[in-house]
Each structure stands twice: as structure tokens, then as C-alpha cells.
Protein backbone atom coordinates (compact mmCIF):
# COMPACT_ATOMS: atom_id res chain seq x y z
CA MET A 1 0.00 0.00 0.00
CA ASP A 2 1.27 3.46 -0.89
CA ALA A 3 2.59 5.12 2.27
CA THR A 4 1.59 8.52 0.97
CA ALA A 5 -2.07 7.56 0.53
CA ASN A 6 -2.99 8.34 4.13
CA GLN A 7 -1.12 11.61 4.25
CA PRO A 8 -3.41 14.65 4.28
CA LYS A 9 -3.39 16.68 1.11
CA LYS A 10 -1.93 20.13 1.40
CA LYS A 11 -4.60 22.75 0.98
CA TRP A 12 -3.88 25.45 -1.56
CA LYS A 13 -3.73 28.81 0.16
CA LEU A 14 -3.90 32.18 -1.51
CA LYS A 15 -0.74 34.09 -0.68
CA MET A 16 -0.72 37.87 -0.77
CA PRO A 17 2.12 39.13 -3.00
CA GLY A 18 4.76 41.49 -1.66
CA ALA A 19 4.78 45.28 -1.83
CA PHE A 20 6.79 45.52 -5.07
CA THR A 21 4.55 43.02 -6.86
CA ILE A 22 1.35 44.78 -5.75
CA LEU A 23 2.64 48.15 -6.96
CA PHE A 24 3.78 46.64 -10.28
CA PHE A 25 0.33 45.21 -10.98
CA LEU A 26 -1.32 48.50 -9.98
CA THR A 27 1.00 50.29 -12.42
CA VAL A 28 -0.05 47.90 -15.21
CA ILE A 29 -3.76 48.39 -14.36
CA SER A 30 -3.30 52.18 -14.38
CA VAL A 31 -1.79 52.03 -17.87
CA PHE A 32 -4.74 49.99 -19.18
CA LEU A 33 -7.21 52.42 -17.59
CA THR A 34 -5.78 55.21 -19.73
CA TRP A 35 -6.98 53.26 -22.77
CA PHE A 36 -10.61 53.04 -21.63
CA VAL A 37 -11.41 55.94 -19.26
CA PRO A 38 -12.22 59.08 -21.30
CA ALA A 39 -9.42 61.64 -21.23
CA GLY A 40 -10.15 65.17 -20.09
CA SER A 41 -8.80 68.05 -18.08
CA TYR A 42 -9.68 71.21 -16.21
CA SER A 43 -7.81 74.45 -16.84
CA LYS A 44 -5.09 74.85 -14.24
CA LEU A 45 -4.41 78.11 -12.41
CA SER A 46 -0.99 78.93 -10.93
CA TYR A 47 0.91 81.94 -9.64
CA SER A 48 4.37 83.04 -10.75
CA ASN A 49 6.30 86.29 -11.26
CA ASP A 50 3.52 88.40 -9.72
CA HIS A 51 0.97 87.12 -12.24
CA LEU A 52 -1.73 84.47 -12.41
CA GLN A 53 -1.43 82.03 -15.28
CA VAL A 54 -4.16 79.74 -16.62
CA VAL A 55 -3.21 76.75 -18.75
CA ALA A 56 -6.24 75.53 -20.73
CA PRO A 57 -6.80 71.81 -21.51
CA SER A 58 -5.59 72.59 -25.05
CA GLY A 59 -2.29 73.81 -23.64
CA LYS A 60 -2.95 77.50 -24.33
CA LYS A 61 -1.50 79.78 -21.63
CA THR A 62 -3.14 83.02 -20.55
CA VAL A 63 -1.58 85.49 -18.12
CA TYR A 64 -3.74 87.63 -15.82
CA PRO A 65 -2.95 90.26 -13.20
CA ALA A 66 -2.74 88.77 -9.70
CA THR A 67 -5.84 90.44 -8.28
CA GLN A 68 -8.98 89.36 -6.47
CA ALA A 69 -11.01 90.62 -9.46
CA THR A 70 -9.21 88.10 -11.70
CA LEU A 71 -10.06 85.22 -9.37
CA LYS A 72 -13.69 86.37 -9.20
CA LYS A 73 -13.82 86.43 -13.00
CA LEU A 74 -12.46 82.87 -13.10
CA ASN A 75 -15.02 81.82 -10.44
CA VAL A 76 -12.20 80.79 -8.12
CA LYS A 77 -13.28 81.80 -4.62
CA ILE A 78 -9.82 81.90 -3.04
CA ASP A 79 -8.11 84.90 -1.44
CA VAL A 80 -5.41 86.08 -3.85
CA ASP A 81 -3.04 86.49 -0.89
CA GLN A 82 -3.01 82.70 -0.54
CA PHE A 83 -1.22 82.53 -3.90
CA LYS A 84 1.10 85.48 -3.23
CA SER A 85 2.18 84.17 0.17
CA GLY A 86 2.97 80.70 -1.19
CA ALA A 87 0.28 79.03 0.94
CA ILE A 88 -1.06 77.59 -2.33
CA SER A 89 1.87 76.63 -4.54
CA LYS A 90 0.44 73.86 -6.71
CA PRO A 91 -1.80 74.38 -9.79
CA VAL A 92 -5.48 74.78 -8.91
CA SER A 93 -8.36 73.39 -10.98
CA VAL A 94 -10.59 76.13 -12.42
CA PRO A 95 -14.33 75.36 -11.94
CA GLY A 96 -16.46 74.97 -15.05
CA THR A 97 -13.53 74.46 -17.44
CA TYR A 98 -13.51 70.68 -17.85
CA LYS A 99 -13.02 69.61 -21.48
CA ARG A 100 -12.90 66.19 -23.08
CA LEU A 101 -9.60 65.56 -24.80
CA LYS A 102 -8.38 63.17 -27.43
CA GLN A 103 -7.62 59.84 -25.80
CA HIS A 104 -4.10 59.72 -24.47
CA PRO A 105 -3.36 56.03 -23.83
CA MET A 106 -0.08 55.27 -22.15
CA SER A 107 2.22 52.71 -23.76
CA LEU A 108 3.34 49.51 -22.10
CA TYR A 109 6.81 51.01 -21.97
CA SER A 110 5.43 53.77 -19.70
CA ILE A 111 5.03 51.11 -16.99
CA PHE A 112 8.79 51.25 -16.61
CA THR A 113 9.37 54.94 -17.32
CA SER A 114 6.77 55.86 -14.68
CA MET A 115 8.63 53.76 -12.12
CA VAL A 116 11.89 55.56 -12.90
CA ASN A 117 10.31 59.04 -12.99
CA GLY A 118 8.35 58.43 -9.79
CA THR A 119 11.54 57.35 -8.04
CA MET A 120 13.36 60.45 -9.29
CA GLN A 121 10.56 62.66 -7.94
CA ALA A 122 10.89 61.01 -4.54
CA VAL A 123 14.64 61.57 -4.31
CA ASP A 124 14.33 64.04 -1.41
CA ILE A 125 12.44 61.50 0.71
CA MET A 126 14.82 58.74 -0.33
CA ILE A 127 17.90 60.69 0.76
CA PHE A 128 16.19 61.43 4.09
CA ILE A 129 15.54 57.70 4.57
CA PHE A 130 19.11 56.74 3.59
CA VAL A 131 20.61 59.21 6.07
CA LEU A 132 18.20 57.97 8.74
CA GLY A 133 19.23 54.38 8.03
CA GLY A 134 22.90 55.31 8.26
CA LEU A 135 22.37 57.10 11.57
CA ILE A 136 20.56 54.09 13.02
CA GLY A 137 23.26 51.75 11.73
CA VAL A 138 25.97 53.69 13.57
CA VAL A 139 23.97 53.86 16.82
CA LYS A 140 23.37 50.10 16.64
CA ALA A 141 27.06 49.43 16.03
CA SER A 142 28.00 51.54 19.06
CA GLY A 143 26.05 49.18 21.34
CA ALA A 144 24.04 52.09 22.75
CA PHE A 145 20.72 50.57 21.62
CA GLU A 146 21.28 47.27 23.45
CA SER A 147 22.45 48.91 26.65
CA GLY A 148 19.66 51.46 26.66
CA LEU A 149 17.08 48.79 25.88
CA GLU A 150 18.34 46.62 28.72
CA ALA A 151 17.96 49.53 31.15
CA LEU A 152 14.50 50.45 29.78
CA THR A 153 13.03 46.94 30.00
CA LYS A 154 14.07 46.65 33.65
CA LYS A 155 12.36 49.94 34.54
CA SER A 156 9.17 49.33 32.51
CA LYS A 157 8.45 45.80 33.75
CA GLY A 158 4.67 45.46 34.18
CA LYS A 159 4.01 48.92 32.70
CA GLU A 160 4.87 48.21 29.09
CA PHE A 161 1.77 49.75 27.51
CA ILE A 162 2.62 53.17 28.93
CA LEU A 163 5.28 53.53 26.24
CA VAL A 164 2.84 52.49 23.48
CA PHE A 165 0.35 54.99 24.91
CA MET A 166 2.90 57.82 24.95
CA VAL A 167 4.15 57.13 21.41
CA ALA A 168 0.61 56.89 19.99
CA VAL A 169 -0.52 60.14 21.65
CA LEU A 170 2.65 61.98 20.58
CA LEU A 171 2.29 60.92 16.94
CA ALA A 172 -1.46 61.57 16.90
CA PHE A 173 -0.74 65.16 17.94
CA GLY A 174 2.07 65.30 15.38
CA GLY A 175 -0.42 64.27 12.69
CA THR A 176 -3.13 66.73 13.70
CA LEU A 177 -0.77 69.68 14.20
CA CYS A 178 1.81 69.37 11.42
CA GLY A 179 0.89 66.31 9.32
CA ILE A 180 3.68 63.93 10.28
CA GLU A 181 3.53 61.12 7.69
CA GLU A 182 6.69 60.14 5.80
CA GLU A 183 8.72 61.54 8.69
CA ALA A 184 7.23 58.85 10.97
CA VAL A 185 9.35 56.15 9.28
CA ALA A 186 12.18 57.46 11.44
CA PHE A 187 10.57 55.95 14.53
CA TYR A 188 10.30 52.31 13.40
CA PRO A 189 13.93 51.28 13.85
CA ILE A 190 13.95 52.86 17.31
CA LEU A 191 10.71 51.41 18.64
CA ALA A 192 10.59 47.98 16.96
CA PRO A 193 13.38 46.52 19.19
CA VAL A 194 11.79 48.08 22.28
CA PHE A 195 8.34 46.68 21.54
CA ILE A 196 9.79 43.23 20.80
CA ALA A 197 11.49 43.24 24.21
CA MET A 198 8.13 44.08 25.78
CA GLY A 199 6.41 41.11 24.14
CA TYR A 200 4.60 42.92 21.34
CA ASP A 201 4.53 42.24 17.59
CA SER A 202 4.98 44.25 14.39
CA ILE A 203 1.29 45.24 14.34
CA VAL A 204 1.69 47.13 17.63
CA VAL A 205 4.70 48.96 16.18
CA VAL A 206 2.79 50.10 13.09
CA GLY A 207 -0.33 50.83 15.12
CA ALA A 208 1.49 53.12 17.56
CA ILE A 209 3.34 54.97 14.78
CA PHE A 210 1.64 54.93 11.37
CA LEU A 211 -1.92 54.38 12.55
CA ALA A 212 -1.71 56.96 15.35
CA SER A 213 -0.17 59.66 13.13
CA SER A 214 -2.72 58.91 10.41
CA ILE A 215 -5.63 59.14 12.85
CA GLY A 216 -4.27 62.52 13.89
CA THR A 217 -4.11 63.63 10.27
CA THR A 218 -7.57 62.22 9.51
CA PHE A 219 -9.07 64.37 12.28
CA SER A 220 -6.64 67.20 11.64
CA ILE A 221 -7.24 70.41 13.58
CA ILE A 222 -4.63 72.80 12.14
CA ASN A 223 -2.40 70.65 9.88
CA PRO A 224 -1.05 73.25 7.39
CA PHE A 225 -0.42 70.63 4.69
CA GLN A 226 -4.00 69.42 4.71
CA VAL A 227 -6.82 71.30 6.39
CA VAL A 228 -5.29 74.77 5.93
CA ILE A 229 -4.50 74.26 2.22
CA ALA A 230 -7.89 72.61 1.61
CA SER A 231 -9.73 75.44 3.39
CA ASN A 232 -7.84 78.03 1.36
CA ALA A 233 -8.65 76.20 -1.88
CA ALA A 234 -12.30 75.93 -0.83
CA GLY A 235 -12.55 79.66 -0.21
CA THR A 236 -13.20 79.29 3.51
CA GLN A 237 -11.26 79.77 6.76
CA PHE A 238 -9.57 76.78 8.41
CA THR A 239 -10.92 77.96 11.79
CA GLN A 240 -14.44 77.14 10.63
CA GLY A 241 -15.51 73.70 11.82
CA MET A 242 -12.57 73.52 14.25
CA THR A 243 -14.82 72.61 17.20
CA GLY A 244 -16.14 69.55 15.37
CA ARG A 245 -12.61 68.51 14.39
CA ILE A 246 -11.36 68.83 17.98
CA VAL A 247 -14.25 66.66 19.24
CA GLY A 248 -13.65 64.15 16.45
CA PHE A 249 -9.91 64.03 17.13
CA THR A 250 -10.45 63.44 20.85
CA VAL A 251 -12.96 60.63 20.34
CA ALA A 252 -10.88 58.99 17.59
CA VAL A 253 -7.64 58.99 19.62
CA ILE A 254 -9.39 57.53 22.68
CA CYS A 255 -10.94 54.76 20.55
CA LEU A 256 -7.57 54.03 18.92
CA LEU A 257 -5.86 53.74 22.32
CA PHE A 258 -8.50 51.28 23.53
CA TYR A 259 -8.09 49.24 20.33
CA LEU A 260 -4.28 49.20 20.65
CA HIS A 261 -4.53 48.29 24.35
CA TRP A 262 -6.91 45.40 23.61
CA TYR A 263 -4.68 44.01 20.85
CA ALA A 264 -1.39 44.56 22.71
CA ARG A 265 -2.64 42.77 25.84
CA LYS A 266 -3.89 39.83 23.77
CA VAL A 267 -0.50 39.44 22.04
CA GLN A 268 1.43 39.82 25.28
CA LYS A 269 -0.62 37.10 26.99
CA ASP A 270 -0.69 34.76 23.99
CA PRO A 271 1.84 35.45 21.19
CA SER A 272 -0.06 33.05 18.88
CA PHE A 273 -2.97 35.53 18.86
CA SER A 274 -0.81 37.92 16.81
CA TYR A 275 -2.12 38.56 13.29
CA THR A 276 1.50 38.31 12.13
CA TYR A 277 2.39 35.23 14.20
CA GLU A 278 3.53 33.23 11.16
CA ASP A 279 6.24 35.85 10.58
CA LYS A 280 7.18 36.32 14.24
CA GLU A 281 10.58 34.61 14.00
CA LYS A 282 11.55 36.60 10.93
CA PHE A 283 10.43 39.89 12.52
CA ASP A 284 12.23 39.15 15.78
CA GLU A 285 15.40 38.18 13.93
CA MET A 286 15.27 41.45 11.97
CA TRP A 287 14.69 43.80 14.89
CA SER A 288 15.62 42.04 18.12
CA MET A 289 18.76 43.27 19.84
CA ASP A 290 19.53 39.80 21.22
CA SER A 291 22.68 38.25 19.86
CA SER A 292 24.55 35.00 20.29
CA GLU A 293 27.82 36.87 20.76
CA GLU A 294 28.74 38.26 24.15
CA LYS A 295 28.33 42.02 24.39
CA ASP A 296 29.09 44.53 27.09
CA LEU A 297 25.67 45.92 28.07
CA THR A 298 27.06 48.39 30.57
CA PHE A 299 25.22 51.67 30.07
CA THR A 300 28.33 53.86 29.95
CA ILE A 301 28.40 57.66 29.83
CA LYS A 302 29.47 57.46 26.18
CA LYS A 303 26.46 55.31 25.27
CA ARG A 304 24.16 57.66 27.19
CA ILE A 305 25.52 60.63 25.22
CA ILE A 306 24.99 58.74 21.93
CA LEU A 307 21.36 57.96 22.80
CA ILE A 308 20.76 61.55 23.94
CA LEU A 309 22.12 62.83 20.63
CA PHE A 310 20.02 60.26 18.77
CA ALA A 311 16.84 61.35 20.59
CA ALA A 312 17.75 65.01 20.07
CA SER A 313 17.81 64.48 16.28
CA PHE A 314 14.07 63.72 16.34
CA ILE A 315 13.27 66.65 18.61
CA ILE A 316 15.20 68.91 16.23
CA MET A 317 13.33 67.41 13.26
CA ILE A 318 9.90 68.05 14.81
CA TRP A 319 10.92 71.59 15.81
CA GLY A 320 12.23 72.28 12.30
CA VAL A 321 9.05 71.06 10.61
CA MET A 322 6.70 72.95 12.93
CA ALA A 323 8.65 76.17 13.54
CA LYS A 324 10.85 76.55 10.46
CA GLY A 325 8.87 74.76 7.76
CA TRP A 326 11.66 72.31 7.03
CA ALA A 327 11.33 69.95 4.08
CA PHE A 328 13.18 66.65 3.63
CA PRO A 329 16.56 68.15 2.58
CA GLU A 330 16.76 70.17 5.81
CA MET A 331 15.68 67.19 7.91
CA ALA A 332 18.23 64.94 6.20
CA SER A 333 20.97 67.52 6.81
CA SER A 334 20.17 67.75 10.52
CA PHE A 335 20.20 63.93 10.81
CA LEU A 336 23.51 63.79 8.95
CA LEU A 337 25.05 66.31 11.35
CA ILE A 338 24.06 64.17 14.35
CA ALA A 339 25.23 61.03 12.53
CA VAL A 340 28.72 62.48 11.96
CA ILE A 341 29.03 63.48 15.63
CA ILE A 342 27.99 59.98 16.74
CA MET A 343 30.40 58.43 14.22
CA PHE A 344 33.29 60.31 15.82
CA LEU A 345 32.22 59.13 19.28
CA THR A 346 31.86 55.54 18.03
CA CYS A 347 35.08 55.55 16.07
CA PHE A 348 37.38 56.55 18.92
CA GLY A 349 37.81 54.94 22.33
CA HIS A 350 40.48 52.87 24.06
CA LYS A 351 38.20 49.89 24.82
CA ASP A 352 35.03 50.36 22.76
CA GLY A 353 36.19 52.34 19.73
CA LEU A 354 35.26 50.65 16.44
CA GLY A 355 37.72 52.45 14.20
CA GLU A 356 37.11 54.35 10.97
CA TYR A 357 36.39 51.35 8.70
CA GLN A 358 33.80 49.65 10.92
CA THR A 359 32.07 52.94 11.70
CA THR A 360 31.66 53.97 8.06
CA GLU A 361 30.60 50.42 7.17
CA ALA A 362 27.92 50.60 9.86
CA PHE A 363 26.59 53.81 8.28
CA SER A 364 26.63 52.29 4.76
CA ASN A 365 24.93 49.07 5.89
CA GLY A 366 22.28 51.01 7.78
CA ALA A 367 21.48 53.10 4.70
CA ALA A 368 21.46 49.98 2.48
CA SER A 369 18.89 48.27 4.74
CA LEU A 370 16.29 50.92 3.80
CA VAL A 371 16.77 50.86 0.00
CA GLY A 372 13.60 48.78 -0.44
CA VAL A 373 11.53 51.25 1.60
CA SER A 374 12.81 54.18 -0.48
CA LEU A 375 12.03 52.48 -3.79
CA ILE A 376 8.48 51.69 -2.67
CA ILE A 377 7.75 55.40 -2.19
CA GLY A 378 9.02 56.17 -5.68
CA LEU A 379 7.07 53.36 -7.34
CA ALA A 380 3.83 54.50 -5.69
CA ARG A 381 4.35 57.98 -7.14
CA GLY A 382 4.75 56.47 -10.58
CA ILE A 383 1.13 55.24 -10.52
CA ASN A 384 -0.12 58.77 -9.85
CA ASN A 385 2.01 60.03 -12.76
CA ILE A 386 0.38 57.57 -15.18
CA LEU A 387 -3.14 58.66 -14.21
CA ASN A 388 -2.17 62.32 -14.66
CA ASP A 389 -0.24 61.83 -17.90
CA GLY A 390 -3.14 59.82 -19.30
CA TYR A 391 -5.52 62.70 -18.43
CA ILE A 392 -7.98 60.51 -16.57
CA SER A 393 -7.61 61.93 -13.03
CA ASP A 394 -9.61 65.05 -13.94
CA THR A 395 -12.24 62.94 -15.71
CA ILE A 396 -12.83 60.95 -12.53
CA LEU A 397 -13.02 64.23 -10.58
CA TYR A 398 -15.51 65.72 -13.08
CA GLN A 399 -17.79 62.67 -13.08
CA SER A 400 -17.70 62.63 -9.28
CA SER A 401 -18.79 66.26 -9.10
CA GLU A 402 -21.66 65.60 -11.51
CA LEU A 403 -22.79 62.66 -9.37
CA VAL A 404 -23.51 64.72 -6.26
CA ARG A 405 -25.10 67.85 -7.75
CA HIS A 406 -28.42 68.91 -6.18
CA MET A 407 -28.61 66.08 -3.63
CA SER A 408 -30.09 66.79 -0.21
CA GLY A 409 -27.52 68.05 2.31
CA SER A 410 -27.07 64.89 4.40
CA VAL A 411 -26.92 62.53 1.41
CA PHE A 412 -24.67 64.96 -0.43
CA ILE A 413 -22.04 65.10 2.33
CA ILE A 414 -21.94 61.30 2.79
CA MET A 415 -21.53 60.85 -0.95
CA MET A 416 -18.83 63.51 -0.91
CA MET A 417 -16.91 61.61 1.78
CA LEU A 418 -17.15 58.39 -0.27
CA ILE A 419 -15.98 60.21 -3.39
CA PHE A 420 -12.93 61.50 -1.56
CA PHE A 421 -12.41 57.93 -0.32
CA VAL A 422 -12.05 56.82 -3.95
CA LEU A 423 -10.03 59.87 -4.98
CA GLY A 424 -7.63 59.14 -2.11
CA PHE A 425 -6.44 56.08 -4.03
CA ILE A 426 -5.87 58.08 -7.21
CA VAL A 427 -4.26 61.13 -5.55
CA PRO A 428 -2.68 60.01 -2.24
CA SER A 429 -1.10 63.42 -1.59
CA SER A 430 -3.28 65.40 0.85
CA SER A 431 -2.16 68.81 -0.45
CA GLY A 432 -2.30 67.55 -4.05
CA LEU A 433 -5.90 66.37 -3.76
CA ALA A 434 -6.87 69.56 -1.92
CA VAL A 435 -5.81 71.96 -4.68
CA LEU A 436 -7.10 69.69 -7.47
CA ALA A 437 -10.50 68.82 -6.04
CA MET A 438 -11.50 71.52 -3.57
CA PRO A 439 -12.11 74.36 -6.09
CA ILE A 440 -14.44 71.97 -7.94
CA MET A 441 -16.15 70.24 -5.01
CA ALA A 442 -16.48 73.06 -2.46
CA PRO A 443 -18.78 75.27 -4.63
CA LEU A 444 -21.20 72.33 -4.88
CA ALA A 445 -21.94 72.89 -1.17
CA ASP A 446 -23.55 76.20 -2.17
CA THR A 447 -26.07 74.35 -4.36
CA VAL A 448 -27.31 72.30 -1.39
CA HIS A 449 -27.10 75.23 1.06
CA ILE A 450 -24.48 73.92 3.46
CA PRO A 451 -21.22 75.60 4.62
CA ARG A 452 -18.15 74.84 2.52
CA TYR A 453 -16.02 73.89 5.51
CA ILE A 454 -18.06 70.68 5.85
CA VAL A 455 -16.78 69.61 2.41
CA VAL A 456 -13.23 70.16 3.71
CA THR A 457 -14.00 67.86 6.64
CA ALA A 458 -15.49 65.26 4.26
CA TYR A 459 -12.26 65.41 2.24
CA GLN A 460 -10.21 64.74 5.39
CA PHE A 461 -12.29 61.74 6.49
CA GLY A 462 -12.67 60.23 3.03
CA GLN A 463 -9.11 60.52 1.77
CA TYR A 464 -7.49 59.26 4.96
CA ALA A 465 -9.88 56.36 5.39
CA MET A 466 -8.49 55.22 2.04
CA LEU A 467 -4.87 56.00 2.93
CA PHE A 468 -5.01 53.43 5.75
CA LEU A 469 -5.32 50.89 2.93
CA ALA A 470 -4.13 52.40 -0.36
CA PRO A 471 -0.95 50.82 -1.78
CA THR A 472 -0.38 54.13 -3.62
CA GLY A 473 0.17 55.89 -0.27
CA LEU A 474 2.63 55.32 2.56
CA VAL A 475 1.24 51.93 3.61
CA MET A 476 3.47 49.79 1.40
CA ALA A 477 6.65 51.59 2.46
CA THR A 478 5.69 51.03 6.09
CA LEU A 479 4.97 47.34 5.59
CA GLN A 480 8.16 46.92 3.56
CA MET A 481 10.22 48.38 6.40
CA LEU A 482 8.83 45.82 8.87
CA ASP A 483 8.51 43.02 6.28
CA MET A 484 4.80 42.69 7.11
CA LYS A 485 2.25 41.12 4.75
CA TYR A 486 -0.42 43.45 3.38
CA SER A 487 -3.15 40.93 4.25
CA HIS A 488 -2.09 40.94 7.92
CA TRP A 489 -2.25 44.72 8.01
CA VAL A 490 -5.72 44.80 6.39
CA ARG A 491 -7.01 42.34 8.99
CA PHE A 492 -5.95 44.71 11.75
CA VAL A 493 -6.84 48.06 10.18
CA TRP A 494 -10.25 47.42 8.59
CA PRO A 495 -12.15 48.16 11.86
CA VAL A 496 -10.36 51.53 11.98
CA VAL A 497 -11.39 52.29 8.40
CA ALA A 498 -14.99 51.35 9.23
CA PHE A 499 -14.84 53.55 12.34
CA VAL A 500 -13.60 56.57 10.36
CA LEU A 501 -16.32 56.19 7.72
CA ILE A 502 -19.16 55.53 10.18
CA PHE A 503 -18.14 57.93 12.94
CA GLY A 504 -16.92 60.48 10.41
CA GLY A 505 -20.20 60.20 8.51
CA GLY A 506 -22.07 60.85 11.74
CA VAL A 507 -19.96 63.95 12.44
CA LEU A 508 -20.59 65.26 8.91
CA VAL A 509 -24.36 64.75 9.05
CA THR A 510 -24.46 66.44 12.47
CA GLU A 511 -22.56 69.43 11.07
CA VAL A 512 -24.97 69.62 8.12
CA LEU A 513 -28.01 69.59 10.42
CA ILE A 514 -26.47 72.18 12.75
CA GLY A 515 -25.06 74.29 9.90
């Protein structure tokens, strides 16, 4: 009798592809969409050299004086000072100017050119990530991480969730105040080893960092890159509707903390409960500070200084973004300065000095470990480029605006949130979607007799509910950094998406009824 006859047959199991494969297929789908979705475009308004310039769908350029009268003539209800001050720097869609264009299908070769061009456009973020990786590599090589972690785990025994709580609250406020998003990747290499030592998994790491900052941005109160730009583009003040956003932010953060606490406790008590349990060994091997080789874990003064400098780099980054308006080049430069100082400290020392070669190698290896994360950001941008170059983004925006005309207020605002949910996949940039869509969508609020600021709130809830999931956003870079499967993340985050849409919908309808 065949010995294999009694063996159970292996069940075929659908396996979710990795981040690069998902983005490649989405790029291919985007190219094919340009063959079938009608091409079209709005006229685009921009400011330069003390003049307003309108580029028609045909490509014709018309220059106007930069006055409020010009904007009124164009039916753009935005304060002209918003253009002059640089608050609105990207081209704005001009209402009522949509025109069908000759179909502009992208070639199969554009699948690859879009990947290259998208990566080139993301070079500032990529350099920031490389410098961050190098800094972390040097700190790891110095032994400061292991020694500091050893001291922290002894002090936090039995109170582990306090750190998760503090990180989540800090990043939620970072999201609501200054729109911390890509910058949050800096926190993963610091917190992943700490959370592992406390008995948590990769989901808790992403939940406390990405999810918390995104919840803050979803219910943004004064985020200049989102709610302020969107309010300006809508022709309203960002202070309008602030009370509702504050209430929404408070409720959302409290609910998120309860959700994280429930999940973290479950994983701590029973590691097999983890949604990423099948990858636990791989995750622990990647981020755990444990090593088979003997290491001196004495928390020396030198190691304390290195960790203080390391922590200071993030405080400087947050200060620079909020107070000085730093972009990625400035943030990368500040990180590089701290990295060089730490390299000198690590290089020299009678007993624990690593020498020049090992120190520079540690920086190079740290930067190399984040190459995949950097490429993911560039590839995601390539998808957006295809939709724009194929002239189908504006068509989707136009058809969406036609869909909601003359609906009743409550139905209108729910539909508006769902439309922004879809548009969030196509245009994952919060400021990009604001200047493209808000001049078109906000005036529709006038037709159903509701305040325009409610449309701004619908844009916030809708777009960010999608960005918890959208591979075109920051999700794939985050998952790539922690080597987490997309399916595992979706299993954890879908209740949060449902919460944003349901609770957010309730907030919007309440504002409509009150307004």
C-alpha cells in the first residue's frame, strides 16, 4: 500500500504578493485604464512672477494680473493672498472648465518609465531615509541601543503599555498639528526593538506609529499641509468647523488607544494571537537586539551621550518642521550632522572604539537596509504620474462632481466623503488632492445650502480612510520596512477604516443639520 495515501493533502492557500509586486500590478492596471477611461482636463491656475497664469486643456496659456477681481472672474473663490504668500503653490483646478480631450493612452513602456520618474521625484524623501538608516546603523554598532534597551526593559516591567500609549498620543498630535507622515518612518527602527522586548509584535509597532499619526491627520485640527491648504482652496477659513474637528480628534484617539490596548494585551498574553504570528521569528530576527555573541551591556556615559544625541535628532526634526517649515533636505541635513558626531564618538575609544572602517561600514549598511523602503515610495508615485499623464484623473473628478449635484444636504455630504475615499487612491497626496478637487467640489456645497467647511471635513475623512489601505500611499513603504504582509495589516486596520467612515459620517451629518 502506498505510504503517501494516508497523508493529508496540502490545501492550496492564496498568498498575498509582496509590496513591489502589488505596486507593479497596480501600475499595469493604471496604464490599461488610460486606454478606456475618457481623457479630459480642467484648466489649471498657478501663480508666478507676480501674475496668475491659466493653462487651458488645449495647452494654451493666458496670463492675468494677480488680483482678487481676476479670481472672481475665473469663479475661483480663493483669497489672492493665498497665492502670493505661497500658501497655495500647486496648480489649482478652475471650476467649469472641464473639457474632453483626445484619448491619451499610455504605452506599455510607460510602466517602466513611470517607475523611474516616480523614483526620481521622490529623491528628497529617499535621501532622508538613507541618512536615517545610516544614523541608526551607527547607533546600533556603538552598542548604545542594546544597553539602553536593557535599562529600559528593567524599569518598565509590568508597565509596558505606557510607552505604546505615549508614542501613539505623541504621533497623533504630530499628525493633527503638522501632518507627520513620511517623517514617521524614522521611529520604526527605534521602537521595533523596544516593543519586541516588551512582548509585542509588528502590528503594535505600526499601530502606535503609522496608525496613530494617520488618525491625527484624519481628524486634523490645524495641519497646514492638509486642512489649511484645503480650506484656502475651498474659499473658507480653516478655523471654521474647528470645534467639530477637535471633538472628532479626541474621540478617535481615545478609541484608537482602547483598540491598541486590547490588541497589545492579547498578544502579550498569547503570542499566537498575533495577526502576524507566522512571521514572528523573521520579525524578531530582523529587529531584536539579542545576539549570540557576548556584548558589554554596561550603560556607559558614552552610550548615554549617543542615545541623547540620537533622541535630540528627532526633537530637532519636529521643531524644524513645525517652527521653520523644514522639508526633507533640511531634515536629512540635521540627521547627517548628528550622525557624523555619533560616528566620531563611536570611532574613537580605548576599549570600545570601532575604528574608521567599521564605523563607516555601519553607516553604509544602515542606509542599504532601507533601500527597499525608499524604492516603494518612488514606485507609488509612478502610478499617480500615469493617471495624470493619461488625463484621466480630472475625468474621474468631473464625473464625481456631476454625481452629487443637487442632492439633499445629508446625502450629499456622505456621498462627498465616499468620493474622496475613492479619490484618495488616485491622488494620495493630501495637499495635491486639496488643490485639485476643492475648487471643484467646495462650490457644490452652495447648491445644497451647506457651509463649505463641511466639504473640507469630508475630504479629510474620506481621503485618509483610504490611505489606511491604499498601496499608492505610505502603507506599502511602512509594511516593507517591517517586512509585514499586506493581508495581515488589512485584517488589523479594517475596523479603523470602518470607524472613520461611520463615525466620520455621523460627524458630517451632524454638522450639516447644525449648519
